[in-house]
Amino acid sequence: MEVYGAVRRFVLVEGHSRREAARVFGLSRDTVLKMCRFSLPPGYTRSKPVARPKLDAMVPVIDAILEEDRAGPVKQRHTAKRIFERLRDEHGFSGG
């Protein structure tokens, strides 16, 4: 993030060329162009949701287990390992 601001300041405020900024900061010219174009890094966005073919069938069961846990004492809530064991034993989930 510090480099991002430094590159923008170098090009936009101090008036140096993007090519010179790329050389000084050791970045590609395309990267410097993107840094100058966006005030904040745009970040990564997924083009489509994550595919979970095996887990999607178990999500309602997991949600039910977690909903039951809210009613009980905190110390008796399920851990991730215990939820997996219940899915394996009660529903035949192999996980792999």
PDB file of N, CA and C in Angstrom:
ATOM      1  N   MET A   1       0.823  -1.183   0.000  1.00  0.00           N
ATOM      2  CA  MET A   1       0.000   0.000   0.000  1.00  0.00           C
ATOM      3  C   MET A   1       0.876   1.260   0.000  1.00  0.00           C
ATOM      4  N   GLU A   2       2.028   1.167   0.664  1.00  0.00           N
ATOM      5  CA  GLU A   2       2.926   2.321   0.690  1.00  0.00           C
ATOM      6  C   GLU A   2       3.501   2.586  -0.688  1.00  0.00           C
ATOM      7  N   VAL A   3       3.840   1.500  -1.404  1.00  0.00           N
ATOM      8  CA  VAL A   3       4.376   1.639  -2.751  1.00  0.00           C
ATOM      9  C   VAL A   3       3.317   2.241  -3.659  1.00  0.00           C
ATOM     10  N   TYR A   4       2.086   1.822  -3.472  1.00  0.00           N
ATOM     11  CA  TYR A   4       0.971   2.319  -4.281  1.00  0.00           C
ATOM     12  C   TYR A   4       0.887   3.842  -4.182  1.00  0.00           C
ATOM     13  N   GLY A   5       0.907   4.356  -2.955  1.00  0.00           N
ATOM     14  CA  GLY A   5       0.857   5.799  -2.753  1.00  0.00           C
ATOM     15  C   GLY A   5       2.089   6.509  -3.264  1.00  0.00           C
ATOM     16  N   ALA A   6       3.245   5.874  -3.091  1.00  0.00           N
ATOM     17  CA  ALA A   6       4.493   6.480  -3.548  1.00  0.00           C
ATOM     18  C   ALA A   6       4.525   6.592  -5.073  1.00  0.00           C
ATOM     19  N   VAL A   7       4.049   5.557  -5.753  1.00  0.00           N
ATOM     20  CA  VAL A   7       4.026   5.586  -7.215  1.00  0.00           C
ATOM     21  C   VAL A   7       3.072   6.670  -7.701  1.00  0.00           C
ATOM     22  N   ARG A   8       1.895   6.741  -7.094  1.00  0.00           N
ATOM     23  CA  ARG A   8       0.920   7.764  -7.498  1.00  0.00           C
ATOM     24  C   ARG A   8       1.469   9.170  -7.265  1.00  0.00           C
ATOM     25  N   ARG A   9       2.119   9.365  -6.132  1.00  0.00           N
ATOM     26  CA  ARG A   9       2.695  10.681  -5.833  1.00  0.00           C
ATOM     27  C   ARG A   9       3.802  11.009  -6.829  1.00  0.00           C
ATOM     28  N   PHE A  10       4.652  10.037  -7.147  1.00  0.00           N
ATOM     29  CA  PHE A  10       5.773  10.210  -8.061  1.00  0.00           C
ATOM     30  C   PHE A  10       5.281  10.644  -9.449  1.00  0.00           C
ATOM     31  N   VAL A  11       4.193  10.029  -9.909  1.00  0.00           N
ATOM     32  CA  VAL A  11       3.700  10.316 -11.253  1.00  0.00           C
ATOM     33  C   VAL A  11       2.759  11.515 -11.273  1.00  0.00           C
ATOM     34  N   LEU A  12       1.765  11.507 -10.381  1.00  0.00           N
ATOM     35  CA  LEU A  12       0.706  12.514 -10.460  1.00  0.00           C
ATOM     36  C   LEU A  12       1.087  13.859  -9.842  1.00  0.00           C
ATOM     37  N   VAL A  13       1.825  13.836  -8.733  1.00  0.00           N
ATOM     38  CA  VAL A  13       2.154  15.087  -8.044  1.00  0.00           C
ATOM     39  C   VAL A  13       3.492  15.647  -8.528  1.00  0.00           C
ATOM     40  N   GLU A  14       4.509  14.782  -8.564  1.00  0.00           N
ATOM     41  CA  GLU A  14       5.840  15.257  -8.938  1.00  0.00           C
ATOM     42  C   GLU A  14       6.022  15.368 -10.447  1.00  0.00           C
ATOM     43  N   GLY A  15       5.114  14.781 -11.224  1.00  0.00           N
ATOM     44  CA  GLY A  15       5.123  14.965 -12.668  1.00  0.00           C
ATOM     45  C   GLY A  15       6.085  14.097 -13.458  1.00  0.00           C
ATOM     46  N   HIS A  16       6.601  13.023 -12.856  1.00  0.00           N
ATOM     47  CA  HIS A  16       7.477  12.124 -13.585  1.00  0.00           C
ATOM     48  C   HIS A  16       6.646  11.251 -14.525  1.00  0.00           C
ATOM     49  N   SER A  17       7.301  10.669 -15.516  1.00  0.00           N
ATOM     50  CA  SER A  17       6.581   9.808 -16.458  1.00  0.00           C
ATOM     51  C   SER A  17       6.308   8.447 -15.823  1.00  0.00           C
ATOM     52  N   ARG A  18       5.305   7.756 -16.371  1.00  0.00           N
ATOM     53  CA  ARG A  18       4.977   6.417 -15.877  1.00  0.00           C
ATOM     54  C   ARG A  18       6.124   5.454 -16.170  1.00  0.00           C
ATOM     55  N   ARG A  19       6.786   5.642 -17.298  1.00  0.00           N
ATOM     56  CA  ARG A  19       7.916   4.783 -17.655  1.00  0.00           C
ATOM     57  C   ARG A  19       9.041   4.935 -16.634  1.00  0.00           C
ATOM     58  N   GLU A  20       9.305   6.155 -16.218  1.00  0.00           N
ATOM     59  CA  GLU A  20      10.350   6.395 -15.226  1.00  0.00           C
ATOM     60  C   GLU A  20       9.949   5.798 -13.876  1.00  0.00           C
ATOM     61  N   ALA A  21       8.680   5.922 -13.528  1.00  0.00           N
ATOM     62  CA  ALA A  21       8.203   5.334 -12.274  1.00  0.00           C
ATOM     63  C   ALA A  21       8.369   3.818 -12.293  1.00  0.00           C
ATOM     64  N   ALA A  22       8.093   3.207 -13.443  1.00  0.00           N
ATOM     65  CA  ALA A  22       8.253   1.762 -13.559  1.00  0.00           C
ATOM     66  C   ALA A  22       9.706   1.367 -13.340  1.00  0.00           C
ATOM     67  N   ARG A  23      10.620   2.141 -13.884  1.00  0.00           N
ATOM     68  CA  ARG A  23      12.045   1.851 -13.723  1.00  0.00           C
ATOM     69  C   ARG A  23      12.499   2.067 -12.284  1.00  0.00           C
ATOM     70  N   VAL A  24      12.064   3.171 -11.674  1.00  0.00           N
ATOM     71  CA  VAL A  24      12.494   3.511 -10.314  1.00  0.00           C
ATOM     72  C   VAL A  24      11.968   2.508  -9.289  1.00  0.00           C
ATOM     73  N   PHE A  25      10.682   2.117  -9.421  1.00  0.00           N
ATOM     74  CA  PHE A  25      10.065   1.238  -8.428  1.00  0.00           C
ATOM     75  C   PHE A  25      10.172  -0.239  -8.792  1.00  0.00           C
ATOM     76  N   GLY A  26      10.691  -0.540  -9.971  1.00  0.00           N
ATOM     77  CA  GLY A  26      10.856  -1.932 -10.362  1.00  0.00           C
ATOM     78  C   GLY A  26       9.552  -2.629 -10.678  1.00  0.00           C
ATOM     79  N   LEU A  27       8.611  -1.893 -11.251  1.00  0.00           N
ATOM     80  CA  LEU A  27       7.298  -2.444 -11.608  1.00  0.00           C
ATOM     81  C   LEU A  27       7.133  -2.411 -13.122  1.00  0.00           C
ATOM     82  N   SER A  28       6.152  -3.140 -13.618  1.00  0.00           N
ATOM     83  CA  SER A  28       5.883  -3.061 -15.051  1.00  0.00           C
ATOM     84  C   SER A  28       5.129  -1.766 -15.346  1.00  0.00           C
ATOM     85  N   ARG A  29       5.208  -1.324 -16.589  1.00  0.00           N
ATOM     86  CA  ARG A  29       4.516  -0.088 -16.962  1.00  0.00           C
ATOM     87  C   ARG A  29       3.003  -0.258 -16.856  1.00  0.00           C
ATOM     88  N   ASP A  30       2.523  -1.468 -17.120  1.00  0.00           N
ATOM     89  CA  ASP A  30       1.082  -1.724 -16.979  1.00  0.00           C
ATOM     90  C   ASP A  30       0.631  -1.581 -15.525  1.00  0.00           C
ATOM     91  N   THR A  31       1.459  -2.053 -14.607  1.00  0.00           N
ATOM     92  CA  THR A  31       1.131  -1.938 -13.185  1.00  0.00           C
ATOM     93  C   THR A  31       1.098  -0.472 -12.766  1.00  0.00           C
ATOM     94  N   VAL A  32       2.058   0.301 -13.216  1.00  0.00           N
ATOM     95  CA  VAL A  32       2.092   1.734 -12.894  1.00  0.00           C
ATOM     96  C   VAL A  32       0.862   2.425 -13.474  1.00  0.00           C
ATOM     97  N   LEU A  33       0.458   2.039 -14.693  1.00  0.00           N
ATOM     98  CA  LEU A  33      -0.739   2.612 -15.296  1.00  0.00           C
ATOM     99  C   LEU A  33      -1.968   2.326 -14.448  1.00  0.00           C
ATOM    100  N   LYS A  34      -2.106   1.100 -13.973  1.00  0.00           N
ATOM    101  CA  LYS A  34      -3.239   0.739 -13.116  1.00  0.00           C
ATOM    102  C   LYS A  34      -3.203   1.513 -11.807  1.00  0.00           C
ATOM    103  N   MET A  35      -2.016   1.694 -11.250  1.00  0.00           N
ATOM    104  CA  MET A  35      -1.887   2.444  -9.996  1.00  0.00           C
ATOM    105  C   MET A  35      -2.307   3.895 -10.187  1.00  0.00           C
ATOM    106  N   CYS A  36      -2.001   4.444 -11.339  1.00  0.00           N
ATOM    107  CA  CYS A  36      -2.374   5.838 -11.602  1.00  0.00           C
ATOM    108  C   CYS A  36      -3.867   5.963 -11.906  1.00  0.00           C
ATOM    109  N   ARG A  37      -4.432   4.930 -12.445  1.00  0.00           N
ATOM    110  CA  ARG A  37      -5.836   4.969 -12.845  1.00  0.00           C
ATOM    111  C   ARG A  37      -6.791   4.865 -11.650  1.00  0.00           C
ATOM    112  N   PHE A  38      -6.437   4.088 -10.623  1.00  0.00           N
ATOM    113  CA  PHE A  38      -7.306   3.850  -9.476  1.00  0.00           C
ATOM    114  C   PHE A  38      -6.703   4.460  -8.219  1.00  0.00           C
ATOM    115  N   SER A  39      -7.511   5.216  -7.464  1.00  0.00           N
ATOM    116  CA  SER A  39      -7.002   5.832  -6.238  1.00  0.00           C
ATOM    117  C   SER A  39      -6.749   4.790  -5.154  1.00  0.00           C
ATOM    118  N   LEU A  40      -7.525   3.714  -5.152  1.00  0.00           N
ATOM    119  CA  LEU A  40      -7.311   2.595  -4.246  1.00  0.00           C
ATOM    120  C   LEU A  40      -7.143   1.338  -5.092  1.00  0.00           C
ATOM    121  N   PRO A  41      -6.376   0.364  -4.626  1.00  0.00           N
ATOM    122  CA  PRO A  41      -6.240  -0.866  -5.399  1.00  0.00           C
ATOM    123  C   PRO A  41      -7.606  -1.506  -5.618  1.00  0.00           C
ATOM    124  N   PRO A  42      -7.935  -1.896  -6.843  1.00  0.00           N
ATOM    125  CA  PRO A  42      -9.261  -2.419  -7.117  1.00  0.00           C
ATOM    126  C   PRO A  42      -9.551  -3.752  -6.453  1.00  0.00           C
ATOM    127  N   GLY A  43      -8.538  -4.535  -6.148  1.00  0.00           N
ATOM    128  CA  GLY A  43      -8.755  -5.818  -5.500  1.00  0.00           C
ATOM    129  C   GLY A  43      -9.219  -6.878  -6.477  1.00  0.00           C
ATOM    130  N   TYR A  44      -9.443  -8.073  -5.964  1.00  0.00           N
ATOM    131  CA  TYR A  44      -9.822  -9.204  -6.794  1.00  0.00           C
ATOM    132  C   TYR A  44     -11.300  -9.481  -6.616  1.00  0.00           C
ATOM    133  N   THR A  45     -12.010  -9.693  -7.705  1.00  0.00           N
ATOM    134  CA  THR A  45     -13.409 -10.096  -7.635  1.00  0.00           C
ATOM    135  C   THR A  45     -13.570 -11.382  -8.435  1.00  0.00           C
ATOM    136  N   ARG A  46     -14.281 -12.322  -7.874  1.00  0.00           N
ATOM    137  CA  ARG A  46     -14.498 -13.598  -8.541  1.00  0.00           C
ATOM    138  C   ARG A  46     -15.470 -13.416  -9.697  1.00  0.00           C
ATOM    139  N   SER A  47     -15.216 -14.129 -10.768  1.00  0.00           N
ATOM    140  CA  SER A  47     -16.109 -14.055 -11.922  1.00  0.00           C
ATOM    141  C   SER A  47     -17.340 -14.934 -11.726  1.00  0.00           C
ATOM    142  N   LYS A  48     -17.206 -16.022 -10.956  1.00  0.00           N
ATOM    143  CA  LYS A  48     -18.352 -16.871 -10.634  1.00  0.00           C
ATOM    144  C   LYS A  48     -18.156 -17.436  -9.234  1.00  0.00           C
ATOM    145  N   PRO A  49     -19.225 -17.849  -8.567  1.00  0.00           N
ATOM    146  CA  PRO A  49     -19.101 -18.344  -7.198  1.00  0.00           C
ATOM    147  C   PRO A  49     -18.250 -19.611  -7.126  1.00  0.00           C
ATOM    148  N   VAL A  50     -17.732 -19.862  -5.939  1.00  0.00           N
ATOM    149  CA  VAL A  50     -16.893 -21.023  -5.706  1.00  0.00           C
ATOM    150  C   VAL A  50     -17.735 -22.293  -5.850  1.00  0.00           C
ATOM    151  N   ALA A  51     -17.227 -23.259  -6.585  1.00  0.00           N
ATOM    152  CA  ALA A  51     -17.932 -24.527  -6.757  1.00  0.00           C
ATOM    153  C   ALA A  51     -17.603 -25.452  -5.592  1.00  0.00           C
ATOM    154  N   ARG A  52     -18.639 -25.915  -4.890  1.00  0.00           N
ATOM    155  CA  ARG A  52     -18.456 -26.853  -3.782  1.00  0.00           C
ATOM    156  C   ARG A  52     -19.419 -28.024  -3.991  1.00  0.00           C
ATOM    157  N   PRO A  53     -19.173 -28.882  -4.950  1.00  0.00           N
ATOM    158  CA  PRO A  53     -20.146 -29.913  -5.289  1.00  0.00           C
ATOM    159  C   PRO A  53     -20.445 -30.889  -4.159  1.00  0.00           C
ATOM    160  N   LYS A  54     -19.471 -31.184  -3.314  1.00  0.00           N
ATOM    161  CA  LYS A  54     -19.704 -32.152  -2.236  1.00  0.00           C
ATOM    162  C   LYS A  54     -20.301 -31.485  -1.000  1.00  0.00           C
ATOM    163  N   LEU A  55     -19.876 -30.271  -0.718  1.00  0.00           N
ATOM    164  CA  LEU A  55     -20.315 -29.614   0.511  1.00  0.00           C
ATOM    165  C   LEU A  55     -21.697 -28.986   0.381  1.00  0.00           C
ATOM    166  N   ASP A  56     -22.072 -28.546  -0.806  1.00  0.00           N
ATOM    167  CA  ASP A  56     -23.357 -27.853  -0.977  1.00  0.00           C
ATOM    168  C   ASP A  56     -24.540 -28.680  -0.504  1.00  0.00           C
ATOM    169  N   ALA A  57     -24.472 -29.996  -0.647  1.00  0.00           N
ATOM    170  CA  ALA A  57     -25.574 -30.851  -0.200  1.00  0.00           C
ATOM    171  C   ALA A  57     -25.677 -30.876   1.320  1.00  0.00           C
ATOM    172  N   MET A  58     -24.587 -30.622   2.015  1.00  0.00           N
ATOM    173  CA  MET A  58     -24.552 -30.705   3.477  1.00  0.00           C
ATOM    174  C   MET A  58     -24.784 -29.366   4.176  1.00  0.00           C
ATOM    175  N   VAL A  59     -24.843 -28.284   3.429  1.00  0.00           N
ATOM    176  CA  VAL A  59     -24.977 -26.958   4.041  1.00  0.00           C
ATOM    177  C   VAL A  59     -26.236 -26.838   4.903  1.00  0.00           C
ATOM    178  N   PRO A  60     -27.405 -27.318   4.463  1.00  0.00           N
ATOM    179  CA  PRO A  60     -28.582 -27.227   5.351  1.00  0.00           C
ATOM    180  C   PRO A  60     -28.400 -28.003   6.657  1.00  0.00           C
ATOM    181  N   VAL A  61     -27.727 -29.145   6.600  1.00  0.00           N
ATOM    182  CA  VAL A  61     -27.488 -29.941   7.808  1.00  0.00           C
ATOM    183  C   VAL A  61     -26.554 -29.186   8.746  1.00  0.00           C
ATOM    184  N   ILE A  62     -25.494 -28.607   8.190  1.00  0.00           N
ATOM    185  CA  ILE A  62     -24.540 -27.840   8.998  1.00  0.00           C
ATOM    186  C   ILE A  62     -25.241 -26.637   9.633  1.00  0.00           C
ATOM    187  N   ASP A  63     -26.069 -25.938   8.854  1.00  0.00           N
ATOM    188  CA  ASP A  63     -26.817 -24.790   9.395  1.00  0.00           C
ATOM    189  C   ASP A  63     -27.727 -25.220  10.535  1.00  0.00           C
ATOM    190  N   ALA A  64     -28.359 -26.377  10.415  1.00  0.00           N
ATOM    191  CA  ALA A  64     -29.237 -26.874  11.487  1.00  0.00           C
ATOM    192  C   ALA A  64     -28.427 -27.177  12.749  1.00  0.00           C
ATOM    193  N   ILE A  65     -27.271 -27.781  12.585  1.00  0.00           N
ATOM    194  CA  ILE A  65     -26.411 -28.080  13.746  1.00  0.00           C
ATOM    195  C   ILE A  65     -26.005 -26.784  14.442  1.00  0.00           C
ATOM    196  N   LEU A  66     -25.592 -25.787  13.668  1.00  0.00           N
ATOM    197  CA  LEU A  66     -25.168 -24.518  14.258  1.00  0.00           C
ATOM    198  C   LEU A  66     -26.325 -23.785  14.916  1.00  0.00           C
ATOM    199  N   GLU A  67     -27.515 -23.902  14.350  1.00  0.00           N
ATOM    200  CA  GLU A  67     -28.699 -23.260  14.942  1.00  0.00           C
ATOM    201  C   GLU A  67     -29.044 -23.920  16.279  1.00  0.00           C
ATOM    202  N   GLU A  68     -28.904 -25.255  16.354  1.00  0.00           N
ATOM    203  CA  GLU A  68     -29.132 -25.959  17.622  1.00  0.00           C
ATOM    204  C   GLU A  68     -28.119 -25.513  18.676  1.00  0.00           C
ATOM    205  N   ASP A  69     -26.886 -25.270  18.253  1.00  0.00           N
ATOM    206  CA  ASP A  69     -25.831 -24.868  19.182  1.00  0.00           C
ATOM    207  C   ASP A  69     -26.128 -23.530  19.843  1.00  0.00           C
ATOM    208  N   ARG A  70     -26.818 -22.660  19.164  1.00  0.00           N
ATOM    209  CA  ARG A  70     -27.110 -21.346  19.750  1.00  0.00           C
ATOM    210  C   ARG A  70     -27.983 -21.464  20.984  1.00  0.00           C
ATOM    211  N   ALA A  71     -28.822 -22.470  21.043  1.00  0.00           N
ATOM    212  CA  ALA A  71     -29.722 -22.643  22.184  1.00  0.00           C
ATOM    213  C   ALA A  71     -28.998 -23.247  23.387  1.00  0.00           C
ATOM    214  N   GLY A  72     -27.927 -23.976  23.148  1.00  0.00           N
ATOM    215  CA  GLY A  72     -27.233 -24.653  24.234  1.00  0.00           C
ATOM    216  C   GLY A  72     -26.150 -23.807  24.867  1.00  0.00           C
ATOM    217  N   PRO A  73     -25.514 -24.359  25.899  1.00  0.00           N
ATOM    218  CA  PRO A  73     -24.402 -23.659  26.547  1.00  0.00           C
ATOM    219  C   PRO A  73     -23.219 -23.479  25.595  1.00  0.00           C
ATOM    220  N   VAL A  74     -22.466 -22.424  25.810  1.00  0.00           N
ATOM    221  CA  VAL A  74     -21.350 -22.098  24.935  1.00  0.00           C
ATOM    222  C   VAL A  74     -20.305 -23.215  24.934  1.00  0.00           C
ATOM    223  N   LYS A  75     -20.029 -23.791  26.079  1.00  0.00           N
ATOM    224  CA  LYS A  75     -19.007 -24.828  26.190  1.00  0.00           C
ATOM    225  C   LYS A  75     -19.386 -26.115  25.461  1.00  0.00           C
ATOM    226  N   GLN A  76     -20.667 -26.284  25.124  1.00  0.00           N
ATOM    227  CA  GLN A  76     -21.100 -27.520  24.480  1.00  0.00           C
ATOM    228  C   GLN A  76     -21.320 -27.360  22.976  1.00  0.00           C
ATOM    229  N   ARG A  77     -20.891 -26.248  22.412  1.00  0.00           N
ATOM    230  CA  ARG A  77     -21.072 -26.046  20.982  1.00  0.00           C
ATOM    231  C   ARG A  77     -20.115 -26.919  20.192  1.00  0.00           C
ATOM    232  N   HIS A  78     -20.504 -27.222  18.958  1.00  0.00           N
ATOM    233  CA  HIS A  78     -19.714 -28.105  18.106  1.00  0.00           C
ATOM    234  C   HIS A  78     -18.473 -27.388  17.564  1.00  0.00           C
ATOM    235  N   THR A  79     -17.385 -28.128  17.498  1.00  0.00           N
ATOM    236  CA  THR A  79     -16.198 -27.645  16.798  1.00  0.00           C
ATOM    237  C   THR A  79     -16.309 -28.093  15.344  1.00  0.00           C
ATOM    238  N   ALA A  80     -15.446 -27.579  14.499  1.00  0.00           N
ATOM    239  CA  ALA A  80     -15.466 -27.982  13.090  1.00  0.00           C
ATOM    240  C   ALA A  80     -15.211 -29.485  12.969  1.00  0.00           C
ATOM    241  N   LYS A  81     -14.303 -29.999  13.786  1.00  0.00           N
ATOM    242  CA  LYS A  81     -14.004 -31.425  13.749  1.00  0.00           C
ATOM    243  C   LYS A  81     -15.226 -32.250  14.138  1.00  0.00           C
ATOM    244  N   ARG A  82     -15.928 -31.816  15.155  1.00  0.00           N
ATOM    245  CA  ARG A  82     -17.111 -32.548  15.628  1.00  0.00           C
ATOM    246  C   ARG A  82     -18.235 -32.486  14.590  1.00  0.00           C
ATOM    247  N   ILE A  83     -18.385 -31.355  13.920  1.00  0.00           N
ATOM    248  CA  ILE A  83     -19.391 -31.257  12.858  1.00  0.00           C
ATOM    249  C   ILE A  83     -19.042 -32.235  11.742  1.00  0.00           C
ATOM    250  N   PHE A  84     -17.760 -32.304  11.357  1.00  0.00           N
ATOM    251  CA  PHE A  84     -17.346 -33.256  10.325  1.00  0.00           C
ATOM    252  C   PHE A  84     -17.640 -34.685  10.760  1.00  0.00           C
ATOM    253  N   GLU A  85     -17.338 -34.998  12.013  1.00  0.00           N
ATOM    254  CA  GLU A  85     -17.595 -36.360  12.509  1.00  0.00           C
ATOM    255  C   GLU A  85     -19.075 -36.698  12.463  1.00  0.00           C
ATOM    256  N   ARG A  86     -19.935 -35.736  12.817  1.00  0.00           N
ATOM    257  CA  ARG A  86     -21.387 -35.980  12.740  1.00  0.00           C
ATOM    258  C   ARG A  86     -21.844 -36.168  11.302  1.00  0.00           C
ATOM    259  N   LEU A  87     -21.313 -35.359  10.392  1.00  0.00           N
ATOM    260  CA  LEU A  87     -21.676 -35.520   8.986  1.00  0.00           C
ATOM    261  C   LEU A  87     -21.237 -36.883   8.469  1.00  0.00           C
ATOM    262  N   ARG A  88     -20.057 -37.314   8.876  1.00  0.00           N
ATOM    263  CA  ARG A  88     -19.540 -38.610   8.440  1.00  0.00           C
ATOM    264  C   ARG A  88     -20.368 -39.753   9.016  1.00  0.00           C
ATOM    265  N   ASP A  89     -20.646 -39.692  10.315  1.00  0.00           N
ATOM    266  CA  ASP A  89     -21.342 -40.790  10.980  1.00  0.00           C
ATOM    267  C   ASP A  89     -22.835 -40.835  10.663  1.00  0.00           C
ATOM    268  N   GLU A  90     -23.492 -39.681  10.660  1.00  0.00           N
ATOM    269  CA  GLU A  90     -24.942 -39.649  10.513  1.00  0.00           C
ATOM    270  C   GLU A  90     -25.410 -39.543   9.069  1.00  0.00           C
ATOM    271  N   HIS A  91     -24.575 -38.975   8.189  1.00  0.00           N
ATOM    272  CA  HIS A  91     -25.031 -38.711   6.823  1.00  0.00           C
ATOM    273  C   HIS A  91     -24.140 -39.343   5.757  1.00  0.00           C
ATOM    274  N   GLY A  92     -23.098 -40.043   6.160  1.00  0.00           N
ATOM    275  CA  GLY A  92     -22.225 -40.720   5.199  1.00  0.00           C
ATOM    276  C   GLY A  92     -21.357 -39.793   4.384  1.00  0.00           C
ATOM    277  N   PHE A  93     -21.083 -38.605   4.896  1.00  0.00           N
ATOM    278  CA  PHE A  93     -20.246 -37.627   4.189  1.00  0.00           C
ATOM    279  C   PHE A  93     -18.794 -38.058   4.290  1.00  0.00           C
ATOM    280  N   SER A  94     -18.108 -38.169   3.130  1.00  0.00           N
ATOM    281  CA  SER A  94     -16.711 -38.605   3.154  1.00  0.00           C
ATOM    282  C   SER A  94     -15.751 -37.420   3.160  1.00  0.00           C
ATOM    283  N   GLY A  95     -16.171 -36.282   2.656  1.00  0.00           N
ATOM    284  CA  GLY A  95     -15.342 -35.079   2.670  1.00  0.00           C
ATOM    285  C   GLY A  95     -14.326 -35.022   1.569  1.00  0.00           C
ATOM    286  N   GLY A  96     -14.007 -36.085   0.963  1.00  0.00           N
ATOM    287  CA  GLY A  96     -12.955 -36.083  -0.047  1.00  0.00           C
ATOM    288  C   GLY A  96     -13.438 -36.223  -1.406  1.00  0.00           C
TER     289      GLY A  96
END
